[in-house]
């Protein structure tokens, strides 16, 4: 399809444009995990950096580790998904 067909639906098929719209909605869907501090260091971070908010955005996963970003956006960290010494995943 020509470049003009993508920017002007009257000049080409609207189907490719609908495909682009559905792809952008999939990109907006994010995964979240709730965490609870286990250690005193984690409790300090939870209070001061995470504003006592349990929900975290999952930024990525690799080899049993999960990279999280706090809702406040001030703290990013890795946790072991199965058994972390600092954080508990609350289901």
N, C-alpha and C. Protein backbone atom coordinates (compact mmCIF):
# COMPACT_ATOMS: atom_id res chain seq x y z
N UNK A 1 0.84 -1.18 0.00
CA UNK A 1 0.00 0.00 0.00
C UNK A 1 0.89 1.24 0.00
N UNK A 2 0.46 2.26 -0.68
CA UNK A 2 1.25 3.48 -0.76
C UNK A 2 1.20 4.23 0.56
N UNK A 3 2.15 5.09 0.76
CA UNK A 3 2.21 5.90 1.97
C UNK A 3 0.95 6.78 2.08
N UNK A 4 0.48 7.25 0.95
CA UNK A 4 -0.70 8.12 0.94
C UNK A 4 -1.93 7.36 1.41
N UNK A 5 -2.04 6.09 1.07
CA UNK A 5 -3.18 5.28 1.49
C UNK A 5 -3.24 5.12 3.01
N UNK A 6 -2.10 5.13 3.68
CA UNK A 6 -2.09 5.01 5.13
C UNK A 6 -2.55 6.29 5.82
N UNK A 7 -2.24 7.41 5.24
CA UNK A 7 -2.60 8.67 5.87
C UNK A 7 -3.96 9.18 5.42
N UNK A 8 -4.45 8.72 4.28
CA UNK A 8 -5.72 9.19 3.75
C UNK A 8 -6.61 7.98 3.45
N UNK A 9 -7.56 7.64 4.37
CA UNK A 9 -8.38 6.45 4.18
C UNK A 9 -9.21 6.47 2.89
N UNK A 10 -9.50 7.63 2.34
CA UNK A 10 -10.29 7.69 1.11
C UNK A 10 -9.48 7.24 -0.09
N UNK A 11 -8.17 7.16 0.04
CA UNK A 11 -7.32 6.79 -1.08
C UNK A 11 -6.92 5.32 -1.05
N UNK A 12 -7.28 4.60 -0.01
CA UNK A 12 -6.90 3.19 0.10
C UNK A 12 -7.76 2.48 1.10
N UNK A 13 -7.40 1.28 1.42
CA UNK A 13 -8.16 0.45 2.35
C UNK A 13 -8.01 0.94 3.78
N UNK A 14 -9.10 0.89 4.54
CA UNK A 14 -9.07 1.26 5.95
C UNK A 14 -8.57 0.11 6.82
N UNK A 15 -8.54 -1.12 6.28
CA UNK A 15 -8.14 -2.29 7.05
C UNK A 15 -6.75 -2.14 7.67
N UNK A 16 -5.74 -1.68 6.94
CA UNK A 16 -4.43 -1.50 7.58
C UNK A 16 -4.47 -0.52 8.74
N UNK A 17 -5.29 0.52 8.63
CA UNK A 17 -5.39 1.49 9.72
C UNK A 17 -6.01 0.84 10.95
N UNK A 18 -7.01 -0.01 10.77
CA UNK A 18 -7.62 -0.69 11.91
C UNK A 18 -6.62 -1.62 12.57
N UNK A 19 -5.79 -2.26 11.78
CA UNK A 19 -4.75 -3.12 12.33
C UNK A 19 -3.77 -2.32 13.19
N UNK A 20 -3.42 -1.13 12.76
CA UNK A 20 -2.51 -0.28 13.52
C UNK A 20 -3.16 0.14 14.83
N UNK A 21 -4.46 0.41 14.82
CA UNK A 21 -5.16 0.81 16.04
C UNK A 21 -5.18 -0.34 17.04
N UNK A 22 -5.49 -1.56 16.60
CA UNK A 22 -5.54 -2.68 17.53
C UNK A 22 -4.15 -2.98 18.10
N UNK A 23 -3.09 -2.80 17.32
CA UNK A 23 -1.74 -3.01 17.83
C UNK A 23 -1.41 -2.01 18.92
N UNK A 24 -1.87 -0.77 18.80
CA UNK A 24 -1.55 0.23 19.81
C UNK A 24 -2.29 -0.07 21.11
N UNK A 25 -3.49 -0.64 21.05
CA UNK A 25 -4.19 -1.01 22.28
C UNK A 25 -3.48 -2.15 22.99
N UNK A 26 -2.94 -3.11 22.27
CA UNK A 26 -2.19 -4.20 22.89
C UNK A 26 -0.96 -3.66 23.60
N UNK A 27 -0.33 -2.66 23.04
CA UNK A 27 0.87 -2.09 23.64
C UNK A 27 0.55 -1.37 24.95
N UNK A 28 -0.69 -0.91 25.12
CA UNK A 28 -1.06 -0.19 26.33
C UNK A 28 -1.32 -1.11 27.51
N UNK A 29 -1.63 -2.38 27.26
CA UNK A 29 -1.95 -3.30 28.34
C UNK A 29 -0.67 -3.66 29.08
N UNK A 30 -0.63 -3.36 30.38
CA UNK A 30 0.54 -3.61 31.20
C UNK A 30 0.21 -4.63 32.28
N UNK A 31 1.22 -5.34 32.72
CA UNK A 31 1.07 -6.30 33.80
C UNK A 31 1.52 -5.65 35.10
N UNK A 32 0.79 -5.91 36.17
CA UNK A 32 1.12 -5.37 37.47
C UNK A 32 1.23 -6.49 38.49
N UNK A 33 2.11 -6.30 39.46
CA UNK A 33 2.23 -7.20 40.61
C UNK A 33 2.14 -6.36 41.87
N UNK A 34 1.56 -6.95 42.91
CA UNK A 34 1.55 -6.30 44.22
C UNK A 34 2.64 -6.92 45.08
N UNK A 35 3.41 -6.09 45.72
CA UNK A 35 4.49 -6.57 46.57
C UNK A 35 4.32 -6.06 47.99
N UNK A 36 4.92 -6.79 48.92
CA UNK A 36 4.90 -6.41 50.32
C UNK A 36 6.34 -6.56 50.84
N UNK A 37 6.83 -5.57 51.59
CA UNK A 37 8.20 -5.66 52.08
C UNK A 37 8.35 -6.73 53.15
N UNK A 38 9.49 -7.44 53.12
CA UNK A 38 9.81 -8.46 54.12
C UNK A 38 10.90 -7.99 55.07
N UNK A 39 11.86 -7.25 54.56
CA UNK A 39 13.00 -6.83 55.37
C UNK A 39 12.84 -5.37 55.81
N UNK A 40 13.68 -4.97 56.76
CA UNK A 40 13.62 -3.57 57.22
C UNK A 40 14.06 -2.61 56.11
N UNK A 41 15.04 -3.02 55.29
CA UNK A 41 15.45 -2.17 54.16
C UNK A 41 14.30 -2.01 53.16
N UNK A 42 13.62 -3.09 52.88
CA UNK A 42 12.49 -3.03 51.95
C UNK A 42 11.35 -2.18 52.52
N UNK A 43 11.11 -2.26 53.82
CA UNK A 43 10.07 -1.43 54.46
C UNK A 43 10.41 0.05 54.35
N UNK A 44 11.68 0.38 54.50
CA UNK A 44 12.13 1.77 54.35
C UNK A 44 11.90 2.26 52.92
N UNK A 45 12.27 1.44 51.96
CA UNK A 45 12.05 1.79 50.54
C UNK A 45 10.56 1.91 50.25
N UNK A 46 9.78 0.98 50.78
CA UNK A 46 8.33 0.96 50.58
C UNK A 46 7.70 2.25 51.08
N UNK A 47 8.14 2.71 52.22
CA UNK A 47 7.59 3.94 52.80
C UNK A 47 8.09 5.19 52.09
N UNK A 48 9.40 5.28 51.87
CA UNK A 48 9.98 6.53 51.38
C UNK A 48 10.02 6.68 49.86
N UNK A 49 10.18 5.59 49.15
CA UNK A 49 10.30 5.67 47.68
C UNK A 49 9.04 5.23 46.95
N UNK A 50 8.26 4.35 47.58
CA UNK A 50 7.09 3.78 46.91
C UNK A 50 5.78 4.36 47.43
N UNK A 51 5.85 5.31 48.35
CA UNK A 51 4.66 5.98 48.90
C UNK A 51 3.64 5.01 49.47
N UNK A 52 4.12 3.89 50.03
CA UNK A 52 3.27 2.86 50.63
C UNK A 52 2.28 2.24 49.65
N UNK A 53 2.60 2.27 48.35
CA UNK A 53 1.74 1.70 47.31
C UNK A 53 2.29 0.34 46.91
N UNK A 54 1.46 -0.69 47.01
CA UNK A 54 1.89 -2.07 46.77
C UNK A 54 2.03 -2.42 45.29
N UNK A 55 1.24 -1.81 44.43
CA UNK A 55 1.24 -2.18 43.00
C UNK A 55 2.50 -1.69 42.31
N UNK A 56 3.05 -2.58 41.47
CA UNK A 56 4.23 -2.26 40.68
C UNK A 56 4.00 -2.71 39.24
N UNK A 57 4.53 -1.95 38.31
CA UNK A 57 4.43 -2.31 36.90
C UNK A 57 5.56 -3.27 36.55
N UNK A 58 5.21 -4.36 35.87
CA UNK A 58 6.22 -5.32 35.42
C UNK A 58 6.88 -4.75 34.17
N UNK A 59 8.17 -4.51 34.26
CA UNK A 59 8.93 -3.97 33.13
C UNK A 59 9.55 -5.08 32.29
N UNK A 60 9.79 -6.23 32.93
CA UNK A 60 10.38 -7.35 32.20
C UNK A 60 10.59 -8.55 33.09
N UNK A 61 10.85 -9.69 32.45
CA UNK A 61 11.12 -10.95 33.15
C UNK A 61 12.28 -11.65 32.48
N UNK A 62 13.12 -12.28 33.31
CA UNK A 62 14.23 -13.06 32.75
C UNK A 62 14.76 -14.00 33.82
N UNK A 63 14.85 -15.28 33.48
CA UNK A 63 15.46 -16.30 34.33
C UNK A 63 14.92 -16.30 35.76
N UNK A 64 13.61 -16.21 35.93
CA UNK A 64 13.00 -16.25 37.25
C UNK A 64 13.03 -14.92 37.99
N UNK A 65 13.60 -13.92 37.38
CA UNK A 65 13.65 -12.59 37.98
C UNK A 65 12.63 -11.69 37.29
N UNK A 66 12.05 -10.78 38.06
CA UNK A 66 11.07 -9.84 37.53
C UNK A 66 11.59 -8.43 37.80
N UNK A 67 11.61 -7.59 36.76
CA UNK A 67 12.02 -6.20 36.92
C UNK A 67 10.77 -5.37 37.10
N UNK A 68 10.67 -4.67 38.24
CA UNK A 68 9.47 -3.91 38.59
C UNK A 68 9.77 -2.42 38.68
N UNK A 69 8.74 -1.65 38.43
CA UNK A 69 8.79 -0.20 38.60
C UNK A 69 7.63 0.19 39.51
N UNK A 70 7.94 0.94 40.57
CA UNK A 70 6.88 1.34 41.50
C UNK A 70 5.90 2.28 40.79
N UNK A 71 4.69 2.31 41.29
CA UNK A 71 3.66 3.20 40.72
C UNK A 71 4.11 4.66 40.82
N UNK A 72 4.80 4.99 41.89
CA UNK A 72 5.29 6.36 42.06
C UNK A 72 6.34 6.72 41.02
N UNK A 73 6.97 5.68 40.42
CA UNK A 73 8.01 5.91 39.42
C UNK A 73 9.36 6.25 40.00
N UNK A 74 9.47 6.25 41.33
CA UNK A 74 10.73 6.63 41.96
C UNK A 74 11.64 5.46 42.28
N UNK A 75 11.13 4.24 42.12
CA UNK A 75 11.95 3.09 42.50
C UNK A 75 11.76 1.96 41.50
N UNK A 76 12.87 1.41 41.03
CA UNK A 76 12.88 0.27 40.12
C UNK A 76 13.77 -0.80 40.71
N UNK A 77 13.33 -2.05 40.62
CA UNK A 77 14.07 -3.11 41.28
C UNK A 77 13.74 -4.47 40.68
N UNK A 78 14.67 -5.41 40.89
CA UNK A 78 14.49 -6.80 40.51
C UNK A 78 14.06 -7.59 41.73
N UNK A 79 13.17 -8.57 41.53
CA UNK A 79 12.86 -9.52 42.59
C UNK A 79 12.89 -10.93 42.01
N UNK A 80 13.19 -11.88 42.86
CA UNK A 80 13.11 -13.28 42.49
C UNK A 80 11.64 -13.67 42.60
N UNK A 81 11.08 -14.16 41.50
CA UNK A 81 9.65 -14.44 41.46
C UNK A 81 9.24 -15.56 42.41
N UNK A 82 10.12 -16.51 42.65
CA UNK A 82 9.76 -17.65 43.50
C UNK A 82 9.98 -17.40 44.98
N UNK A 83 11.12 -16.84 45.34
CA UNK A 83 11.43 -16.64 46.75
C UNK A 83 12.44 -15.51 46.89
N UNK A 84 11.97 -14.33 47.19
CA UNK A 84 12.84 -13.18 47.33
C UNK A 84 13.05 -12.87 48.81
N UNK A 85 14.26 -12.52 49.19
CA UNK A 85 14.56 -12.26 50.60
C UNK A 85 14.04 -10.90 51.07
N UNK A 86 13.80 -9.98 50.13
CA UNK A 86 13.38 -8.62 50.48
C UNK A 86 11.89 -8.37 50.30
N UNK A 87 11.29 -9.02 49.29
CA UNK A 87 9.91 -8.73 48.90
C UNK A 87 9.07 -9.98 48.77
N UNK A 88 7.79 -9.86 49.11
CA UNK A 88 6.82 -10.93 48.95
C UNK A 88 5.83 -10.50 47.87
N UNK A 89 5.59 -11.37 46.90
CA UNK A 89 4.57 -11.07 45.89
C UNK A 89 3.22 -11.43 46.48
N UNK A 90 2.32 -10.46 46.53
CA UNK A 90 0.98 -10.65 47.08
C UNK A 90 0.05 -10.96 45.92
N UNK A 91 -0.60 -12.09 45.96
CA UNK A 91 -1.45 -12.52 44.85
C UNK A 91 -2.86 -12.02 45.01
